[in-house]
PDB file of N, CA and C in Angstrom:
ATOM      1  N   MET A   1      24.771  35.303  -0.296  1.00  0.00           N
ATOM      2  CA  MET A   1      24.907  36.690  -0.774  1.00  0.00           C
ATOM      3  C   MET A   1      24.724  36.996  -2.424  1.00  0.00           C
ATOM      4  N   GLY A   2      23.820  37.741  -2.714  1.00  0.00           N
ATOM      5  CA  GLY A   2      23.682  38.565  -3.924  1.00  0.00           C
ATOM      6  C   GLY A   2      22.964  39.442  -4.403  1.00  0.00           C
ATOM      7  N   THR A   3      23.029  39.615  -5.917  1.00  0.00           N
ATOM      8  CA  THR A   3      22.035  40.910  -6.264  1.00  0.00           C
ATOM      9  C   THR A   3      20.506  40.713  -5.804  1.00  0.00           C
ATOM     10  N   ASP A   4      20.222  39.873  -5.980  1.00  0.00           N
ATOM     11  CA  ASP A   4      18.636  39.044  -5.819  1.00  0.00           C
ATOM     12  C   ASP A   4      18.453  38.324  -4.547  1.00  0.00           C
ATOM     13  N   PRO A   5      18.512  38.987  -3.508  1.00  0.00           N
ATOM     14  CA  PRO A   5      18.399  38.343  -2.257  1.00  0.00           C
ATOM     15  C   PRO A   5      16.769  37.301  -2.442  1.00  0.00           C
ATOM     16  N   GLN A   6      15.937  38.080  -2.833  1.00  0.00           N
ATOM     17  CA  GLN A   6      14.345  37.581  -2.879  1.00  0.00           C
ATOM     18  C   GLN A   6      14.524  36.266  -3.879  1.00  0.00           C
ATOM     19  N   ARG A   7      14.967  36.182  -4.846  1.00  0.00           N
ATOM     20  CA  ARG A   7      15.485  35.063  -5.941  1.00  0.00           C
ATOM     21  C   ARG A   7      16.209  34.040  -5.066  1.00  0.00           C
ATOM     22  N   LEU A   8      17.198  34.253  -4.288  1.00  0.00           N
ATOM     23  CA  LEU A   8      18.095  33.557  -4.063  1.00  0.00           C
ATOM     24  C   LEU A   8      17.513  32.508  -2.787  1.00  0.00           C
ATOM     25  N   ARG A   9      16.549  33.145  -1.537  1.00  0.00           N
ATOM     26  CA  ARG A   9      15.532  32.853  -1.179  1.00  0.00           C
ATOM     27  C   ARG A   9      14.700  31.531  -1.501  1.00  0.00           C
ATOM     28  N   SER A  10      14.057  32.222  -2.999  1.00  0.00           N
ATOM     29  CA  SER A  10      13.308  31.456  -3.257  1.00  0.00           C
ATOM     30  C   SER A  10      13.918  29.971  -3.982  1.00  0.00           C
ATOM     31  N   TYR A  11      14.739  29.997  -4.236  1.00  0.00           N
ATOM     32  CA  TYR A  11      15.665  28.761  -4.824  1.00  0.00           C
ATOM     33  C   TYR A  11      16.098  28.209  -3.522  1.00  0.00           C
ATOM     34  N   TYR A  12      16.461  28.516  -2.829  1.00  0.00           N
ATOM     35  CA  TYR A  12      17.303  27.661  -1.849  1.00  0.00           C
ATOM     36  C   TYR A  12      16.131  27.021  -0.786  1.00  0.00           C
ATOM     37  N   GLY A  13      14.712  27.965  -0.738  1.00  0.00           N
ATOM     38  CA  GLY A  13      13.518  27.994  -0.278  1.00  0.00           C
ATOM     39  C   GLY A  13      13.363  26.098  -0.565  1.00  0.00           C
ATOM     40  N   ASP A  14      13.209  26.098  -1.895  1.00  0.00           N
ATOM     41  CA  ASP A  14      11.931  24.766  -2.688  1.00  0.00           C
ATOM     42  C   ASP A  14      13.531  24.324  -2.710  1.00  0.00           C
ATOM     43  N   LEU A  15      14.884  24.340  -3.003  1.00  0.00           N
ATOM     44  CA  LEU A  15      15.933  23.760  -3.059  1.00  0.00           C
ATOM     45  C   LEU A  15      15.915  22.566  -1.899  1.00  0.00           C
ATOM     46  N   PHE A  16      15.989  23.181  -0.411  1.00  0.00           N
ATOM     47  CA  PHE A  16      16.200  22.525   0.348  1.00  0.00           C
ATOM     48  C   PHE A  16      14.902  22.468   1.629  1.00  0.00           C
ATOM     49  N   ASP A  17      13.289  23.224   0.804  1.00  0.00           N
ATOM     50  CA  ASP A  17      12.279  23.424   1.943  1.00  0.00           C
ATOM     51  C   ASP A  17      12.512  23.782   2.726  1.00  0.00           C
ATOM     52  N   TRP A  18      12.865  25.054   2.905  1.00  0.00           N
ATOM     53  CA  TRP A  18      13.219  26.157   4.041  1.00  0.00           C
ATOM     54  C   TRP A  18      12.534  27.354   3.975  1.00  0.00           C
ATOM     55  N   ARG A  19      12.063  28.010   5.289  1.00  0.00           N
ATOM     56  CA  ARG A  19      11.456  28.632   5.057  1.00  0.00           C
ATOM     57  C   ARG A  19      11.982  30.264   5.763  1.00  0.00           C
ATOM     58  N   PHE A  20      12.205  31.405   5.472  1.00  0.00           N
ATOM     59  CA  PHE A  20      13.055  32.419   6.307  1.00  0.00           C
ATOM     60  C   PHE A  20      12.184  33.068   6.896  1.00  0.00           C
ATOM     61  N   ASP A  21      12.687  33.736   7.633  1.00  0.00           N
ATOM     62  CA  ASP A  21      12.154  34.791   8.582  1.00  0.00           C
ATOM     63  C   ASP A  21      12.826  36.179   7.898  1.00  0.00           C
ATOM     64  N   VAL A  22      12.282  37.523   7.009  1.00  0.00           N
ATOM     65  CA  VAL A  22      12.649  38.617   6.718  1.00  0.00           C
ATOM     66  C   VAL A  22      12.330  39.857   7.447  1.00  0.00           C
ATOM     67  N   ALA A  23      11.597  39.459   8.750  1.00  0.00           N
ATOM     68  CA  ALA A  23      11.528  40.327   9.674  1.00  0.00           C
ATOM     69  C   ALA A  23      12.340  41.331  10.511  1.00  0.00           C
ATOM     70  N   SER A  24      13.621  40.451  10.620  1.00  0.00           N
ATOM     71  CA  SER A  24      14.795  41.176  11.126  1.00  0.00           C
ATOM     72  C   SER A  24      15.511  41.291  10.347  1.00  0.00           C
ATOM     73  N   ASP A  25      16.364  42.570  10.260  1.00  0.00           N
ATOM     74  CA  ASP A  25      17.234  43.053   9.714  1.00  0.00           C
ATOM     75  C   ASP A  25      18.717  42.307   9.864  1.00  0.00           C
ATOM     76  N   ALA A  26      19.413  42.243   9.123  1.00  0.00           N
ATOM     77  CA  ALA A  26      21.391  41.839   9.816  1.00  0.00           C
ATOM     78  C   ALA A  26      21.871  43.453   9.444  1.00  0.00           C
ATOM     79  N   ALA A  27      23.113  42.963  10.070  1.00  0.00           N
ATOM     80  CA  ALA A  27      23.787  44.421   9.934  1.00  0.00           C
ATOM     81  C   ALA A  27      24.240  44.867   8.816  1.00  0.00           C
ATOM     82  N   GLU A  28      24.791  45.620   7.827  1.00  0.00           N
ATOM     83  CA  GLU A  28      24.486  46.213   6.992  1.00  0.00           C
ATOM     84  C   GLU A  28      25.720  45.900   6.200  1.00  0.00           C
ATOM     85  N   ALA A  29      26.631  45.703   7.113  1.00  0.00           N
ATOM     86  CA  ALA A  29      27.741  45.255   6.474  1.00  0.00           C
ATOM     87  C   ALA A  29      27.615  43.321   6.049  1.00  0.00           C
ATOM     88  N   VAL A  30      26.297  43.016   6.270  1.00  0.00           N
ATOM     89  CA  VAL A  30      26.193  41.493   5.716  1.00  0.00           C
ATOM     90  C   VAL A  30      25.281  41.842   4.531  1.00  0.00           C
ATOM     91  N   SER A  31      24.353  42.647   5.065  1.00  0.00           N
ATOM     92  CA  SER A  31      23.245  42.927   3.604  1.00  0.00           C
ATOM     93  C   SER A  31      22.552  44.249   4.015  1.00  0.00           C
ATOM     94  N   ALA A  32      21.996  44.179   2.506  1.00  0.00           N
ATOM     95  CA  ALA A  32      21.069  45.587   2.273  1.00  0.00           C
ATOM     96  C   ALA A  32      19.715  45.847   3.203  1.00  0.00           C
ATOM     97  N   PRO A  33      19.393  46.597   4.263  1.00  0.00           N
ATOM     98  CA  PRO A  33      18.547  46.768   5.351  1.00  0.00           C
ATOM     99  C   PRO A  33      16.738  46.324   4.193  1.00  0.00           C
ATOM    100  N   GLY A  34      16.127  44.992   5.220  1.00  0.00           N
ATOM    101  CA  GLY A  34      14.945  44.822   4.127  1.00  0.00           C
ATOM    102  C   GLY A  34      15.658  43.459   3.451  1.00  0.00           C
ATOM    103  N   HIS A  35      16.636  43.015   3.274  1.00  0.00           N
ATOM    104  CA  HIS A  35      17.180  42.356   2.060  1.00  0.00           C
ATOM    105  C   HIS A  35      17.569  40.542   2.881  1.00  0.00           C
ATOM    106  N   TYR A  36      17.589  40.464   4.076  1.00  0.00           N
ATOM    107  CA  TYR A  36      18.495  39.553   4.598  1.00  0.00           C
ATOM    108  C   TYR A  36      16.687  38.132   5.065  1.00  0.00           C
ATOM    109  N   GLY A  37      17.016  37.032   4.895  1.00  0.00           N
ATOM    110  CA  GLY A  37      16.156  36.507   5.550  1.00  0.00           C
ATOM    111  C   GLY A  37      17.315  35.400   6.255  1.00  0.00           C
ATOM    112  N   PHE A  38      16.684  35.075   7.410  1.00  0.00           N
ATOM    113  CA  PHE A  38      17.030  34.179   8.293  1.00  0.00           C
ATOM    114  C   PHE A  38      16.270  32.913   8.511  1.00  0.00           C
ATOM    115  N   VAL A  39      17.483  31.170   8.103  1.00  0.00           N
ATOM    116  CA  VAL A  39      16.659  30.406   7.921  1.00  0.00           C
ATOM    117  C   VAL A  39      15.812  30.161   8.974  1.00  0.00           C
ATOM    118  N   GLU A  40      14.663  29.785   8.841  1.00  0.00           N
ATOM    119  CA  GLU A  40      13.745  29.083  10.426  1.00  0.00           C
ATOM    120  C   GLU A  40      14.433  27.751  10.525  1.00  0.00           C
ATOM    121  N   ALA A  41      14.800  27.622  11.674  1.00  0.00           N
ATOM    122  CA  ALA A  41      16.021  26.378  12.196  1.00  0.00           C
ATOM    123  C   ALA A  41      14.253  25.528  12.052  1.00  0.00           C
ATOM    124  N   ASP A  42      13.759  25.653  12.811  1.00  0.00           N
ATOM    125  CA  ASP A  42      12.713  24.518  13.198  1.00  0.00           C
ATOM    126  C   ASP A  42      12.277  23.651  12.097  1.00  0.00           C
ATOM    127  N   ASN A  43      12.312  24.097  10.842  1.00  0.00           N
ATOM    128  CA  ASN A  43      12.432  23.308   9.732  1.00  0.00           C
ATOM    129  C   ASN A  43      13.229  22.659   9.100  1.00  0.00           C
ATOM    130  N   GLY A  44      14.314  22.113  10.147  1.00  0.00           N
ATOM    131  CA  GLY A  44      15.581  21.663   9.984  1.00  0.00           C
ATOM    132  C   GLY A  44      16.483  22.457   9.204  1.00  0.00           C
ATOM    133  N   GLY A  45      16.661  24.089   9.016  1.00  0.00           N
ATOM    134  CA  GLY A  45      17.550  24.721   8.248  1.00  0.00           C
ATOM    135  C   GLY A  45      18.407  24.744   9.361  1.00  0.00           C
ATOM    136  N   ILE A  46      19.451  25.661   8.816  1.00  0.00           N
ATOM    137  CA  ILE A  46      20.893  25.703   9.721  1.00  0.00           C
ATOM    138  C   ILE A  46      20.128  27.268  10.378  1.00  0.00           C
ATOM    139  N   PRO A  47      21.555  27.889  11.371  1.00  0.00           N
ATOM    140  CA  PRO A  47      20.888  29.289  11.801  1.00  0.00           C
ATOM    141  C   PRO A  47      21.837  30.306  10.973  1.00  0.00           C
ATOM    142  N   GLY A  48      21.647  30.613  10.035  1.00  0.00           N
ATOM    143  CA  GLY A  48      22.039  31.422   9.013  1.00  0.00           C
ATOM    144  C   GLY A  48      21.535  32.110   8.065  1.00  0.00           C
ATOM    145  N   GLY A  49      21.390  32.766   6.717  1.00  0.00           N
ATOM    146  CA  GLY A  49      20.576  33.083   6.199  1.00  0.00           C
ATOM    147  C   GLY A  49      20.858  33.240   4.732  1.00  0.00           C
ATOM    148  N   VAL A  50      20.051  34.050   3.979  1.00  0.00           N
ATOM    149  CA  VAL A  50      20.339  34.651   2.736  1.00  0.00           C
ATOM    150  C   VAL A  50      19.457  36.353   2.270  1.00  0.00           C
ATOM    151  N   GLY A  51      20.948  36.907   1.859  1.00  0.00           N
ATOM    152  CA  GLY A  51      20.620  37.998   1.698  1.00  0.00           C
ATOM    153  C   GLY A  51      21.585  38.942   0.974  1.00  0.00           C
ATOM    154  N   GLY A  52      21.722  40.530   0.856  1.00  0.00           N
ATOM    155  CA  GLY A  52      22.467  41.046  -0.342  1.00  0.00           C
ATOM    156  C   GLY A  52      21.627  42.103  -0.567  1.00  0.00           C
ATOM    157  N   GLY A  53      21.868  42.071  -2.015  1.00  0.00           N
ATOM    158  CA  GLY A  53      21.092  43.795  -2.393  1.00  0.00           C
ATOM    159  C   GLY A  53      22.325  43.808  -3.560  1.00  0.00           C
ATOM    160  N   ALA A  54      22.137  45.329  -4.201  1.00  0.00           N
ATOM    161  CA  ALA A  54      22.229  45.708  -5.302  1.00  0.00           C
ATOM    162  C   ALA A  54      23.488  46.070  -5.442  1.00  0.00           C
ATOM    163  N   ASP A  55      24.364  46.171  -4.244  1.00  0.00           N
ATOM    164  CA  ASP A  55      25.741  46.238  -3.940  1.00  0.00           C
ATOM    165  C   ASP A  55      26.169  45.702  -3.301  1.00  0.00           C
ATOM    166  N   TYR A  56      25.911  44.849  -2.904  1.00  0.00           N
ATOM    167  CA  TYR A  56      26.722  43.565  -2.479  1.00  0.00           C
ATOM    168  C   TYR A  56      27.252  42.282  -3.543  1.00  0.00           C
ATOM    169  N   PRO A  57      28.221  41.753  -2.867  1.00  0.00           N
ATOM    170  CA  PRO A  57      29.343  40.798  -4.002  1.00  0.00           C
ATOM    171  C   PRO A  57      28.701  39.666  -3.665  1.00  0.00           C
ATOM    172  N   HIS A  58      28.505  38.490  -4.619  1.00  0.00           N
ATOM    173  CA  HIS A  58      28.361  37.161  -4.530  1.00  0.00           C
ATOM    174  C   HIS A  58      29.275  36.576  -3.639  1.00  0.00           C
ATOM    175  N   ARG A  59      28.534  35.844  -2.953  1.00  0.00           N
ATOM    176  CA  ARG A  59      29.775  34.693  -2.428  1.00  0.00           C
ATOM    177  C   ARG A  59      29.019  34.185  -1.089  1.00  0.00           C
ATOM    178  N   THR A  60      29.446  32.990  -0.674  1.00  0.00           N
ATOM    179  CA  THR A  60      28.865  31.973   0.410  1.00  0.00           C
ATOM    180  C   THR A  60      29.966  32.487   1.226  1.00  0.00           C
ATOM    181  N   LEU A  61      29.105  32.270   2.546  1.00  0.00           N
ATOM    182  CA  LEU A  61      29.823  32.856   3.585  1.00  0.00           C
ATOM    183  C   LEU A  61      29.661  32.020   4.506  1.00  0.00           C
ATOM    184  N   PHE A  62      30.361  31.158   5.520  1.00  0.00           N
ATOM    185  CA  PHE A  62      29.870  30.535   6.629  1.00  0.00           C
ATOM    186  C   PHE A  62      30.397  31.348   7.776  1.00  0.00           C
ATOM    187  N   TYR A  63      30.199  31.557   8.965  1.00  0.00           N
ATOM    188  CA  TYR A  63      30.278  32.242  10.299  1.00  0.00           C
ATOM    189  C   TYR A  63      30.826  30.785  11.193  1.00  0.00           C
ATOM    190  N   VAL A  64      31.720  31.278  12.358  1.00  0.00           N
ATOM    191  CA  VAL A  64      31.999  30.629  13.301  1.00  0.00           C
ATOM    192  C   VAL A  64      31.673  31.129  14.656  1.00  0.00           C
ATOM    193  N   GLY A  65      31.256  30.221  15.511  1.00  0.00           N
ATOM    194  CA  GLY A  65      30.689  30.850  16.688  1.00  0.00           C
ATOM    195  C   GLY A  65      31.856  31.368  17.501  1.00  0.00           C
ATOM    196  N   VAL A  66      32.026  32.380  17.886  1.00  0.00           N
ATOM    197  CA  VAL A  66      32.773  33.028  18.975  1.00  0.00           C
ATOM    198  C   VAL A  66      32.614  33.397  20.224  1.00  0.00           C
ATOM    199  N   PRO A  67      33.221  33.105  21.414  1.00  0.00           N
ATOM    200  CA  PRO A  67      32.780  34.034  22.533  1.00  0.00           C
ATOM    201  C   PRO A  67      33.000  35.785  22.442  1.00  0.00           C
ATOM    202  N   ASP A  68      34.032  36.174  21.686  1.00  0.00           N
ATOM    203  CA  ASP A  68      34.596  37.089  21.398  1.00  0.00           C
ATOM    204  C   ASP A  68      34.864  37.867  20.152  1.00  0.00           C
ATOM    205  N   VAL A  69      34.371  38.729  19.121  1.00  0.00           N
ATOM    206  CA  VAL A  69      34.568  38.941  18.186  1.00  0.00           C
ATOM    207  C   VAL A  69      35.690  39.547  17.534  1.00  0.00           C
ATOM    208  N   GLU A  70      36.196  40.900  18.361  1.00  0.00           N
ATOM    209  CA  GLU A  70      37.249  41.137  18.448  1.00  0.00           C
ATOM    210  C   GLU A  70      38.450  40.440  18.752  1.00  0.00           C
ATOM    211  N   ALA A  71      38.528  39.642  19.664  1.00  0.00           N
ATOM    212  CA  ALA A  71      39.673  38.947  20.329  1.00  0.00           C
ATOM    213  C   ALA A  71      40.136  38.091  18.865  1.00  0.00           C
ATOM    214  N   ALA A  72      38.415  37.241  18.709  1.00  0.00           N
ATOM    215  CA  ALA A  72      38.858  36.450  17.489  1.00  0.00           C
ATOM    216  C   ALA A  72      39.954  36.926  16.322  1.00  0.00           C
ATOM    217  N   LEU A  73      39.207  38.561  15.717  1.00  0.00           N
ATOM    218  CA  LEU A  73      39.665  39.250  15.050  1.00  0.00           C
ATOM    219  C   LEU A  73      41.383  39.496  15.012  1.00  0.00           C
ATOM    220  N   ARG A  74      41.308  40.045  16.364  1.00  0.00           N
ATOM    221  CA  ARG A  74      42.932  40.184  16.683  1.00  0.00           C
ATOM    222  C   ARG A  74      43.484  38.812  16.245  1.00  0.00           C
ATOM    223  N   ARG A  75      42.867  37.513  17.245  1.00  0.00           N
ATOM    224  CA  ARG A  75      43.976  36.349  16.679  1.00  0.00           C
ATOM    225  C   ARG A  75      44.371  35.996  15.455  1.00  0.00           C
ATOM    226  N   ALA A  76      43.016  36.248  14.746  1.00  0.00           N
ATOM    227  CA  ALA A  76      43.187  36.053  13.296  1.00  0.00           C
ATOM    228  C   ALA A  76      44.474  36.270  12.960  1.00  0.00           C
ATOM    229  N   GLU A  77      44.333  37.913  13.278  1.00  0.00           N
ATOM    230  CA  GLU A  77      45.492  38.759  12.082  1.00  0.00           C
ATOM    231  C   GLU A  77      46.718  38.247  12.516  1.00  0.00           C
ATOM    232  N   SER A  78      47.027  38.036  14.277  1.00  0.00           N
ATOM    233  CA  SER A  78      48.148  37.625  14.684  1.00  0.00           C
ATOM    234  C   SER A  78      49.138  36.143  14.074  1.00  0.00           C
ATOM    235  N   LEU A  79      47.994  35.567  13.149  1.00  0.00           N
ATOM    236  CA  LEU A  79      48.462  34.079  12.646  1.00  0.00           C
ATOM    237  C   LEU A  79      48.593  34.620  11.322  1.00  0.00           C
ATOM    238  N   GLY A  80      48.196  35.337  10.758  1.00  0.00           N
ATOM    239  CA  GLY A  80      48.217  35.353   9.228  1.00  0.00           C
ATOM    240  C   GLY A  80      47.200  36.258   8.522  1.00  0.00           C
ATOM    241  N   GLY A  81      46.462  36.135   9.456  1.00  0.00           N
ATOM    242  CA  GLY A  81      45.006  36.526   8.337  1.00  0.00           C
ATOM    243  C   GLY A  81      45.072  37.798   8.520  1.00  0.00           C
ATOM    244  N   ALA A  82      43.674  38.577   7.836  1.00  0.00           N
ATOM    245  CA  ALA A  82      43.631  39.958   7.604  1.00  0.00           C
ATOM    246  C   ALA A  82      42.018  40.303   8.179  1.00  0.00           C
ATOM    247  N   ARG A  83      41.902  41.763   8.665  1.00  0.00           N
ATOM    248  CA  ARG A  83      40.637  41.700   9.120  1.00  0.00           C
ATOM    249  C   ARG A  83      40.338  42.602   7.952  1.00  0.00           C
ATOM    250  N   VAL A  84      38.943  42.052   7.367  1.00  0.00           N
ATOM    251  CA  VAL A  84      38.079  42.932   6.655  1.00  0.00           C
ATOM    252  C   VAL A  84      37.122  44.319   7.441  1.00  0.00           C
ATOM    253  N   SER A  85      36.785  43.638   8.387  1.00  0.00           N
ATOM    254  CA  SER A  85      35.562  44.425   9.213  1.00  0.00           C
ATOM    255  C   SER A  85      35.026  43.926  10.302  1.00  0.00           C
ATOM    256  N   GLY A  86      34.788  44.669  11.263  1.00  0.00           N
ATOM    257  CA  GLY A  86      34.062  44.518  12.145  1.00  0.00           C
ATOM    258  C   GLY A  86      34.949  44.926  13.496  1.00  0.00           C
ATOM    259  N   PRO A  87      34.200  44.463  14.700  1.00  0.00           N
ATOM    260  CA  PRO A  87      32.877  44.255  14.707  1.00  0.00           C
ATOM    261  C   PRO A  87      31.511  44.811  14.765  1.00  0.00           C
ATOM    262  N   HIS A  88      30.604  44.369  13.845  1.00  0.00           N
ATOM    263  CA  HIS A  88      29.399  45.183  13.393  1.00  0.00           C
ATOM    264  C   HIS A  88      28.481  44.514  13.996  1.00  0.00           C
ATOM    265  N   PRO A  89      27.304  45.487  15.147  1.00  0.00           N
ATOM    266  CA  PRO A  89      25.971  44.889  15.695  1.00  0.00           C
ATOM    267  C   PRO A  89      25.121  44.678  14.937  1.00  0.00           C
ATOM    268  N   ASN A  90      24.003  43.694  15.023  1.00  0.00           N
ATOM    269  CA  ASN A  90      22.945  43.581  13.951  1.00  0.00           C
ATOM    270  C   ASN A  90      21.991  44.591  14.888  1.00  0.00           C
ATOM    271  N   PRO A  91      20.813  45.259  13.923  1.00  0.00           N
ATOM    272  CA  PRO A  91      20.105  46.160  14.369  1.00  0.00           C
ATOM    273  C   PRO A  91      19.714  46.719  15.689  1.00  0.00           C
ATOM    274  N   ASP A  92      19.072  44.986  16.141  1.00  0.00           N
ATOM    275  CA  ASP A  92      18.861  45.158  17.744  1.00  0.00           C
ATOM    276  C   ASP A  92      19.785  44.900  18.569  1.00  0.00           C
ATOM    277  N   GLY A  93      21.344  44.806  18.095  1.00  0.00           N
ATOM    278  CA  GLY A  93      21.762  44.840  19.418  1.00  0.00           C
ATOM    279  C   GLY A  93      22.201  43.549  20.088  1.00  0.00           C
ATOM    280  N   THR A  94      21.715  42.804  19.710  1.00  0.00           N
ATOM    281  CA  THR A  94      21.973  41.416  20.442  1.00  0.00           C
ATOM    282  C   THR A  94      23.091  40.580  19.880  1.00  0.00           C
ATOM    283  N   LEU A  95      23.652  40.573  18.335  1.00  0.00           N
ATOM    284  CA  LEU A  95      24.516  39.911  17.764  1.00  0.00           C
ATOM    285  C   LEU A  95      25.797  40.852  17.224  1.00  0.00           C
ATOM    286  N   LEU A  96      27.124  40.776  17.482  1.00  0.00           N
ATOM    287  CA  LEU A  96      28.148  41.016  16.900  1.00  0.00           C
ATOM    288  C   LEU A  96      28.635  39.886  15.485  1.00  0.00           C
ATOM    289  N   VAL A  97      28.950  40.528  14.525  1.00  0.00           N
ATOM    290  CA  VAL A  97      29.776  39.622  13.447  1.00  0.00           C
ATOM    291  C   VAL A  97      31.128  40.544  12.995  1.00  0.00           C
ATOM    292  N   GLY A  98      31.769  39.852  12.356  1.00  0.00           N
ATOM    293  CA  GLY A  98      32.766  40.297  11.796  1.00  0.00           C
ATOM    294  C   GLY A  98      33.683  39.412  10.771  1.00  0.00           C
ATOM    295  N   PHE A  99      34.370  39.861  10.232  1.00  0.00           N
ATOM    296  CA  PHE A  99      35.161  39.361   8.982  1.00  0.00           C
ATOM    297  C   PHE A  99      36.457  39.173   8.545  1.00  0.00           C
ATOM    298  N   PHE A 100      37.091  38.013   8.417  1.00  0.00           N
ATOM    299  CA  PHE A 100      38.666  38.098   8.266  1.00  0.00           C
ATOM    300  C   PHE A 100      38.934  37.221   6.900  1.00  0.00           C
ATOM    301  N   THR A 101      39.986  37.559   6.358  1.00  0.00           N
ATOM    302  CA  THR A 101      40.561  36.270   5.636  1.00  0.00           C
ATOM    303  C   THR A 101      41.704  35.583   5.709  1.00  0.00           C
ATOM    304  N   ASP A 102      41.708  34.429   5.779  1.00  0.00           N
ATOM    305  CA  ASP A 102      42.432  34.034   6.043  1.00  0.00           C
ATOM    306  C   ASP A 102      43.881  34.015   5.128  1.00  0.00           C
ATOM    307  N   PRO A 103      45.084  33.327   5.279  1.00  0.00           N
ATOM    308  CA  PRO A 103      46.063  33.346   4.699  1.00  0.00           C
ATOM    309  C   PRO A 103      45.922  33.296   3.115  1.00  0.00           C
ATOM    310  N   GLU A 104      45.414  32.177   2.735  1.00  0.00           N
ATOM    311  CA  GLU A 104      45.170  32.011   1.189  1.00  0.00           C
ATOM    312  C   GLU A 104      44.177  33.294   0.473  1.00  0.00           C
ATOM    313  N   GLY A 105      43.317  34.151   1.518  1.00  0.00           N
ATOM    314  CA  GLY A 105      42.487  35.070   1.147  1.00  0.00           C
ATOM    315  C   GLY A 105      40.686  34.401   1.105  1.00  0.00           C
ATOM    316  N   HIS A 106      40.741  33.519   1.921  1.00  0.00           N
ATOM    317  CA  HIS A 106      39.235  32.953   2.241  1.00  0.00           C
ATOM    318  C   HIS A 106      38.156  33.916   3.153  1.00  0.00           C
ATOM    319  N   LEU A 107      37.613  34.267   2.882  1.00  0.00           N
ATOM    320  CA  LEU A 107      36.587  35.475   3.876  1.00  0.00           C
ATOM    321  C   LEU A 107      35.557  34.095   4.692  1.00  0.00           C
ATOM    322  N   VAL A 108      35.978  34.580   5.995  1.00  0.00           N
ATOM    323  CA  VAL A 108      35.422  33.874   6.972  1.00  0.00           C
ATOM    324  C   VAL A 108      35.172  34.866   8.144  1.00  0.00           C
ATOM    325  N   GLY A 109      33.157  34.566   8.553  1.00  0.00           N
ATOM    326  CA  GLY A 109      32.709  35.202   9.156  1.00  0.00           C
ATOM    327  C   GLY A 109      32.894  34.983  10.781  1.00  0.00           C
ATOM    328  N   LEU A 110      32.965  35.939  11.702  1.00  0.00           N
ATOM    329  CA  LEU A 110      32.258  35.276  13.354  1.00  0.00           C
ATOM    330  C   LEU A 110      31.451  36.207  13.761  1.00  0.00           C
ATOM    331  N   ALA A 111      30.766  35.046  14.657  1.00  0.00           N
ATOM    332  CA  ALA A 111      30.077  35.632  15.394  1.00  0.00           C
ATOM    333  C   ALA A 111      29.378  35.193  16.679  1.00  0.00           C
ATOM    334  N   ALA A 112      28.860  36.284  17.579  1.00  0.00           N
ATOM    335  CA  ALA A 112      29.146  35.903  19.373  1.00  0.00           C
ATOM    336  C   ALA A 112      27.358  36.984  19.377  1.00  0.00           C
ATOM    337  N   ALA A 113      27.226  36.793  20.736  1.00  0.00           N
ATOM    338  CA  ALA A 113      26.046  37.233  21.439  1.00  0.00           C
ATOM    339  C   ALA A 113      27.126  38.352  21.616  1.00  0.00           C
ATOM    340  N   ALA A 114      26.200  39.928  21.649  1.00  0.00           N
ATOM    341  CA  ALA A 114      26.514  40.627  22.048  1.00  0.00           C
ATOM    342  C   ALA A 114      26.505  41.188  23.936  1.00  0.00           C
ATOM    343  N   PRO A 115      27.379  41.713  23.990  1.00  0.00           N
ATOM    344  CA  PRO A 115      27.254  41.475  25.590  1.00  0.00           C
ATOM    345  C   PRO A 115      26.460  42.439  26.143  1.00  0.00           C
ATOM    346  N   ALA A 116      25.696  42.119  26.974  1.00  0.00           N
ATOM    347  CA  ALA A 116      24.970  42.800  27.322  1.00  0.00           C
ATOM    348  C   ALA A 116      24.638  43.869  27.826  1.00  0.00           C
ATOM    349  N   THR A 117      25.857  44.939  28.487  1.00  0.00           N
ATOM    350  CA  THR A 117      26.394  45.832  28.543  1.00  0.00           C
ATOM    351  C   THR A 117      26.055  46.598  27.237  1.00  0.00           C
ATOM    352  N   ALA A 118      26.098  46.172  25.909  1.00  0.00           N
ATOM    353  CA  ALA A 118      26.207  47.365  24.532  1.00  0.00           C
ATOM    354  C   ALA A 118      24.833  47.035  23.943  1.00  0.00           C
ATOM    355  N   ARG A 119      23.765  46.202  25.121  1.00  0.00           N
ATOM    356  CA  ARG A 119      22.056  46.071  24.321  1.00  0.00           C
ATOM    357  C   ARG A 119      21.869  47.379  24.733  1.00  0.00           C
TER     358      ARG A 119
END
């Protein structure tokens, strides 16, 4: 994430030979609308992306796939972590994400497919 996502996508695209799909937005908690680019996995990339915008902090973030974002956030809190935000749906409602910090303050993302009833 950064304040100039297009520049970051260009940099990481050149560095790792990644292509980005910028046609789909991420949740606003993740990136400003129209500024997120998902790495296209068919070229060896990871299922992630590069985004941000003028008001988004610089950071590197990894996501952990979980069956239930809300349950994982509650569990993280019960073990001494702190919920930052979420769950947040992506714009088309197919994915939920959430964020917490571990006991030392490291930011971690959680992601899960949204339940069919939420779509």
